[in-house]
Amino acid sequence: MRVFIAFVFVSVCCAADRRLILHADDLGFSHAANRASIEMLEKGFVSSASIMMPCPWVPEIAAWARQHPEKDLGLHLTLTSEWRTLRWAPLAPRDKVPGLLDPDGYMWRSVEEAARHATPLEVEIELRAQIEKAKTMGIAFTHLDTHMGTLYARPDYFAVFEKLGREYGVPILRVKPSESARRSAPKPTVDYLLSLEPKYQQEGTFRLDSLLTDAAAGEKDYARRRELYHKSLRELPEGTHMLILHPAIMEEELKAATNSAVQRDGDYRIFSDPATVRLIKDQGIELVGWKDVAPGNKR
């Protein structure tokens, strides 16, 4: 009996100590992404998602969000438009955000270009426009994150990010200091975040233990991609982590929009696979959303 009780105790502890926000990115950019993410949210295959408000298929996902306010949906704050044929522009008036516009009138394709041209004030004006549009469309957003990590490109951009999180009363995407986190942002931003760490600790600000953005590292082969994801799930350490997926259902629209169509379809199929669902359960990993990990975080 003692052995059995000890085993149950360990299992419960492990489950509680390994929490994962399994997150679907880029909702709103296409019908293919919306279809995949809606199905995965409804079936519990992912526990969180976020919406790109400047994108063309936002009305579809906004209608679904209004009908499902219990789902964990954030805003994927967007300052870049990276693809060759599918482009989007700022929501704010163009004369208010000229630094966000490339020569064709869309957002810049790269983080580096956006960071060279856009002022913090222009960034704040545009992000407010995105957040206010989400509110107007009835999206009850649970958190704010950042497309392509652009809000980590400069310390003054991150300061805007924090300001908006405080003002709108939702957590923003933050990660605890680690070697991996240091490599993922420019040194000025890393130094700025390290200077804030004592304040975060004192205030109890929620930060992820890690952000898993490259678990499958662009791998196109389905079997290999599945193997890499399963490996990351088996090796998930204690703490609260976020694994970012980009699920979409393969169709002509998706193939025309992005050269990552194969990987996105792979994410949809791998994490809808009963074998992956079973692996998460067998590993004692608790799927959580932002509502669960930072429900009272207003900073």
Protein backbone atom coordinates (compact mmCIF):
# COMPACT_ATOMS: atom_id res chain seq x y z
CA MET A 1 0.00 0.00 0.00
CA ARG A 2 2.82 2.40 0.83
CA VAL A 3 4.43 1.85 -2.54
CA PHE A 4 1.13 2.48 -4.31
CA ILE A 5 0.53 5.70 -2.37
CA ALA A 6 4.06 6.88 -3.09
CA PHE A 7 3.58 6.17 -6.80
CA VAL A 8 0.32 8.10 -6.90
CA PHE A 9 1.94 10.98 -5.04
CA VAL A 10 4.84 11.16 -7.46
CA SER A 11 2.54 10.97 -10.48
CA VAL A 12 0.38 13.81 -9.21
CA CYS A 13 3.44 15.91 -8.40
CA CYS A 14 4.93 15.34 -11.81
CA ALA A 15 1.69 16.27 -13.53
CA ALA A 16 1.40 19.44 -11.46
CA ASP A 17 5.06 20.34 -12.01
CA ARG A 18 5.02 20.08 -15.80
CA ARG A 19 2.56 22.52 -17.29
CA LEU A 20 2.38 23.38 -20.95
CA ILE A 21 0.61 26.13 -22.83
CA LEU A 22 0.16 24.36 -26.17
CA HIS A 23 -0.37 27.38 -28.35
CA ALA A 24 -1.70 27.89 -31.89
CA ASP A 25 -0.21 30.99 -33.51
CA ASP A 26 -1.31 33.22 -36.40
CA LEU A 27 -5.10 32.90 -36.28
CA GLY A 28 -6.74 35.26 -38.73
CA PHE A 29 -4.12 35.11 -41.46
CA SER A 30 -6.03 32.50 -43.46
CA HIS A 31 -9.12 30.31 -43.48
CA ALA A 32 -6.80 27.29 -43.39
CA ALA A 33 -5.25 28.44 -40.10
CA ASN A 34 -8.62 29.30 -38.61
CA ARG A 35 -10.11 25.90 -39.51
CA ALA A 36 -7.24 23.98 -37.98
CA SER A 37 -7.01 26.07 -34.82
CA ILE A 38 -10.76 26.12 -34.18
CA GLU A 39 -10.92 22.34 -34.44
CA MET A 40 -7.92 21.91 -32.15
CA LEU A 41 -9.28 24.37 -29.57
CA GLU A 42 -12.71 22.72 -29.56
CA LYS A 43 -11.22 19.24 -29.14
CA GLY A 44 -8.69 20.31 -26.52
CA PHE A 45 -5.68 19.47 -28.68
CA VAL A 46 -4.28 22.96 -28.00
CA SER A 47 -4.93 25.05 -24.90
CA SER A 48 -4.33 28.56 -26.20
CA ALA A 49 -4.15 30.59 -29.42
CA SER A 50 -3.65 34.16 -30.58
CA ILE A 51 -5.06 36.34 -33.36
CA MET A 52 -3.29 38.66 -35.83
CA MET A 53 -5.70 41.58 -36.00
CA PRO A 54 -4.47 43.22 -39.26
CA CYS A 55 -5.02 40.02 -41.25
CA PRO A 56 -7.82 39.27 -43.75
CA TRP A 57 -9.55 36.35 -42.02
CA VAL A 58 -10.02 38.04 -38.64
CA PRO A 59 -13.83 38.43 -39.06
CA GLU A 60 -14.18 34.64 -39.22
CA ILE A 61 -12.17 33.94 -36.07
CA ALA A 62 -13.75 36.91 -34.27
CA ALA A 63 -17.23 35.48 -34.88
CA TRP A 64 -16.10 32.16 -33.42
CA ALA A 65 -14.44 33.90 -30.45
CA ARG A 66 -17.68 35.71 -29.60
CA GLN A 67 -19.46 32.36 -29.46
CA HIS A 68 -16.68 30.79 -27.33
CA PRO A 69 -15.63 33.36 -24.72
CA GLU A 70 -14.38 30.55 -22.50
CA LYS A 71 -11.52 29.76 -24.89
CA ASP A 72 -8.04 31.09 -24.22
CA LEU A 73 -7.47 33.56 -27.05
CA GLY A 74 -4.82 36.25 -27.03
CA LEU A 75 -3.73 38.93 -29.48
CA HIS A 76 -0.66 38.25 -31.61
CA LEU A 77 0.43 41.89 -31.80
CA THR A 78 1.68 42.40 -35.34
CA LEU A 79 4.22 44.86 -36.74
CA THR A 80 5.56 42.89 -39.72
CA SER A 81 4.14 41.33 -42.89
CA GLU A 82 6.70 38.77 -43.98
CA TRP A 83 5.30 36.80 -46.91
CA ARG A 84 5.72 37.43 -50.61
CA THR A 85 2.10 37.49 -51.85
CA LEU A 86 -0.13 37.68 -48.76
CA ARG A 87 0.45 41.10 -47.16
CA TRP A 88 -1.26 43.29 -44.59
CA ALA A 89 -0.98 46.92 -43.54
CA PRO A 90 -1.29 48.79 -40.23
CA LEU A 91 -4.75 49.37 -38.80
CA ALA A 92 -3.87 52.85 -37.55
CA PRO A 93 -4.16 55.83 -39.91
CA ARG A 94 -1.17 55.80 -42.25
CA ASP A 95 -0.15 59.35 -41.46
CA LYS A 96 0.16 58.39 -37.79
CA VAL A 97 2.48 55.40 -38.38
CA PRO A 98 4.65 56.16 -41.45
CA GLY A 99 7.61 54.29 -39.95
CA LEU A 100 5.64 51.04 -40.06
CA LEU A 101 5.06 51.26 -43.82
CA ASP A 102 7.33 49.70 -46.41
CA PRO A 103 7.60 51.22 -49.95
CA ASP A 104 4.54 49.20 -51.04
CA GLY A 105 2.38 50.49 -48.18
CA TYR A 106 2.39 47.26 -46.16
CA MET A 107 4.16 46.48 -42.90
CA TRP A 108 7.88 45.72 -43.22
CA ARG A 109 8.77 42.13 -44.01
CA SER A 110 11.44 41.70 -41.32
CA VAL A 111 11.84 42.53 -37.65
CA GLU A 112 15.08 44.32 -38.43
CA GLU A 113 13.41 46.65 -40.95
CA ALA A 114 10.57 47.45 -38.57
CA ALA A 115 13.03 48.16 -35.75
CA ARG A 116 15.06 50.52 -37.95
CA HIS A 117 12.11 52.58 -39.15
CA ALA A 118 9.33 52.64 -36.53
CA THR A 119 9.38 54.85 -33.43
CA PRO A 120 8.03 53.61 -30.08
CA LEU A 121 5.16 56.09 -30.43
CA GLU A 122 4.20 54.64 -33.83
CA VAL A 123 4.39 51.14 -32.34
CA GLU A 124 2.10 52.15 -29.49
CA ILE A 125 -0.40 53.83 -31.82
CA GLU A 126 -0.62 50.75 -34.04
CA LEU A 127 -0.85 48.24 -31.20
CA ARG A 128 -3.61 50.26 -29.56
CA ALA A 129 -5.48 50.20 -32.86
CA GLN A 130 -5.18 46.41 -32.96
CA ILE A 131 -6.30 45.97 -29.36
CA GLU A 132 -9.21 48.37 -29.73
CA LYS A 133 -10.35 46.60 -32.89
CA ALA A 134 -10.34 43.29 -31.00
CA LYS A 135 -12.47 44.86 -28.27
CA THR A 136 -14.86 46.34 -30.83
CA MET A 137 -15.22 42.92 -32.49
CA GLY A 138 -16.07 41.29 -29.15
CA ILE A 139 -12.88 39.26 -28.69
CA ALA A 140 -12.36 38.61 -24.96
CA PHE A 141 -8.57 38.33 -25.16
CA THR A 142 -6.64 36.70 -22.31
CA HIS A 143 -3.08 37.84 -23.05
CA LEU A 144 -0.82 39.73 -25.45
CA ASP A 145 2.08 38.21 -27.37
CA THR A 146 4.20 39.32 -30.30
CA HIS A 147 4.41 38.23 -33.93
CA MET A 148 7.97 37.32 -34.92
CA GLY A 149 9.16 38.60 -31.53
CA THR A 150 9.21 42.18 -32.82
CA LEU A 151 8.37 43.67 -29.44
CA TYR A 152 11.61 42.18 -28.11
CA ALA A 153 13.67 43.85 -30.84
CA ARG A 154 14.24 47.05 -28.86
CA PRO A 155 13.93 47.90 -25.14
CA ASP A 156 11.65 50.85 -25.93
CA TYR A 157 9.34 48.54 -27.90
CA PHE A 158 9.20 46.16 -24.95
CA ALA A 159 8.37 49.08 -22.65
CA VAL A 160 5.34 49.79 -24.88
CA PHE A 161 4.41 46.10 -24.66
CA GLU A 162 4.48 46.24 -20.86
CA LYS A 163 2.54 49.50 -20.77
CA LEU A 164 -0.28 48.03 -22.85
CA GLY A 165 -0.42 44.86 -20.77
CA ARG A 166 -0.81 46.92 -17.60
CA GLU A 167 -3.38 49.24 -19.14
CA TYR A 168 -5.57 46.47 -20.57
CA GLY A 169 -5.17 44.24 -17.51
CA VAL A 170 -3.79 41.12 -19.18
CA PRO A 171 -0.45 39.30 -18.96
CA ILE A 172 2.11 39.72 -21.71
CA LEU A 173 4.56 37.15 -23.01
CA ARG A 174 7.58 37.14 -20.70
CA VAL A 175 10.21 34.44 -20.15
CA LYS A 176 12.47 33.90 -17.15
CA PRO A 177 16.18 34.49 -17.66
CA SER A 178 17.99 31.52 -19.22
CA GLU A 179 20.71 30.92 -21.77
CA SER A 180 18.07 30.16 -24.39
CA ALA A 181 16.17 33.36 -23.59
CA ARG A 182 19.38 35.39 -23.82
CA ARG A 183 20.04 34.05 -27.32
CA SER A 184 16.54 34.89 -28.54
CA ALA A 185 16.70 38.69 -28.18
CA PRO A 186 19.20 41.47 -28.91
CA LYS A 187 21.60 42.25 -26.09
CA PRO A 188 20.10 45.68 -25.24
CA THR A 189 16.71 44.06 -24.71
CA VAL A 190 18.23 41.19 -22.70
CA ASP A 191 20.03 43.70 -20.46
CA TYR A 192 16.84 45.70 -20.04
CA LEU A 193 14.86 42.60 -19.05
CA LEU A 194 17.55 41.53 -16.59
CA SER A 195 17.35 44.96 -14.96
CA LEU A 196 13.61 44.37 -14.44
CA GLU A 197 14.03 40.88 -12.96
CA PRO A 198 14.17 42.01 -9.27
CA LYS A 199 10.94 43.97 -9.81
CA TYR A 200 9.27 40.97 -11.43
CA GLN A 201 10.29 38.74 -8.54
CA GLN A 202 9.10 41.21 -5.95
CA GLU A 203 5.73 41.70 -7.66
CA GLY A 204 5.21 38.03 -8.52
CA THR A 205 4.93 38.78 -12.23
CA PHE A 206 4.22 35.63 -14.23
CA ARG A 207 6.97 34.55 -16.61
CA LEU A 208 7.27 31.34 -18.56
CA ASP A 209 10.07 28.99 -17.62
CA SER A 210 10.77 28.55 -21.32
CA LEU A 211 9.36 29.37 -24.73
CA LEU A 212 9.67 26.49 -27.21
CA THR A 213 9.63 28.12 -30.63
CA ASP A 214 11.89 25.81 -32.60
CA ALA A 215 11.11 22.33 -31.32
CA ALA A 216 10.86 21.05 -34.89
CA ALA A 217 13.22 23.67 -36.37
CA GLY A 218 11.52 24.06 -39.76
CA GLU A 219 11.63 20.33 -40.48
CA LYS A 220 9.38 19.50 -43.46
CA ASP A 221 9.49 15.72 -43.27
CA TYR A 222 6.37 14.66 -41.38
CA ALA A 223 7.88 11.67 -39.58
CA ARG A 224 10.95 13.60 -38.50
CA ARG A 225 8.86 16.60 -37.42
CA ARG A 226 6.65 14.31 -35.33
CA GLU A 227 9.71 12.67 -33.79
CA LEU A 228 11.21 16.04 -32.81
CA TYR A 229 7.97 17.24 -31.23
CA HIS A 230 7.54 13.99 -29.31
CA LYS A 231 11.12 14.26 -28.08
CA SER A 232 10.48 17.78 -26.80
CA LEU A 233 7.37 16.57 -24.96
CA ARG A 234 9.20 13.66 -23.36
CA GLU A 235 12.05 15.96 -22.28
CA LEU A 236 9.86 18.82 -21.02
CA PRO A 237 11.34 19.91 -17.66
CA GLU A 238 9.43 20.98 -14.59
CA GLY A 239 7.78 24.36 -14.69
CA THR A 240 5.39 26.19 -16.98
CA HIS A 241 6.38 26.28 -20.63
CA MET A 242 4.84 27.38 -23.92
CA LEU A 243 5.14 25.37 -27.13
CA ILE A 244 4.23 27.44 -30.17
CA LEU A 245 2.57 25.68 -33.11
CA HIS A 246 1.40 27.08 -36.43
CA PRO A 247 -1.41 24.71 -37.40
CA ALA A 248 -3.23 25.02 -40.71
CA ILE A 249 -5.05 22.63 -43.01
CA MET A 250 -3.33 22.03 -46.34
CA GLU A 251 -5.17 23.63 -49.25
CA GLU A 252 -4.37 25.81 -52.24
CA GLU A 253 -4.83 29.05 -50.31
CA LEU A 254 -2.24 27.99 -47.73
CA LYS A 255 0.28 26.87 -50.35
CA ALA A 256 -0.09 30.17 -52.19
CA ALA A 257 0.27 32.24 -49.02
CA THR A 258 3.39 30.80 -47.40
CA ASN A 259 6.36 28.55 -48.03
CA SER A 260 5.74 27.01 -44.59
CA ALA A 261 2.52 25.28 -45.68
CA VAL A 262 3.96 21.78 -45.22
CA GLN A 263 5.17 22.53 -41.70
CA ARG A 264 1.87 24.13 -40.72
CA ASP A 265 -0.14 21.20 -42.02
CA GLY A 266 2.27 18.95 -40.12
CA ASP A 267 1.61 20.81 -36.88
CA TYR A 268 -2.12 20.34 -37.38
CA ARG A 269 -1.85 16.62 -38.11
CA ILE A 270 0.77 15.80 -35.47
CA PHE A 271 -1.05 17.46 -32.59
CA SER A 272 -4.43 16.12 -33.69
CA ASP A 273 -2.98 12.61 -33.73
CA PRO A 274 -4.28 10.40 -30.88
CA ALA A 275 -0.70 9.19 -30.37
CA THR A 276 0.42 12.72 -29.50
CA VAL A 277 -2.59 13.29 -27.26
CA ARG A 278 -1.79 10.02 -25.51
CA LEU A 279 1.89 10.92 -25.14
CA ILE A 280 1.03 14.22 -23.42
CA LYS A 281 -1.25 12.36 -21.03
CA ASP A 282 1.23 9.55 -20.38
CA GLN A 283 3.99 12.07 -19.67
CA GLY A 284 1.84 13.67 -16.98
CA ILE A 285 1.92 17.03 -18.75
CA GLU A 286 -0.92 19.37 -17.77
CA LEU A 287 -2.19 21.51 -20.63
CA VAL A 288 -3.03 25.00 -19.40
CA GLY A 289 -3.97 28.37 -20.83
CA TRP A 290 -3.08 31.92 -19.90
CA LYS A 291 -6.27 32.10 -17.83
CA ASP A 292 -4.86 29.30 -15.67
CA VAL A 293 -1.27 30.46 -15.19
CA ALA A 294 -1.78 34.21 -14.81
CA PRO A 295 -5.46 34.84 -14.05
CA GLY A 296 -4.80 37.68 -11.62
CA ASN A 297 -1.73 39.13 -13.25
CA LYS A 298 -2.56 42.73 -14.10
CA ARG A 299 0.98 44.01 -14.67
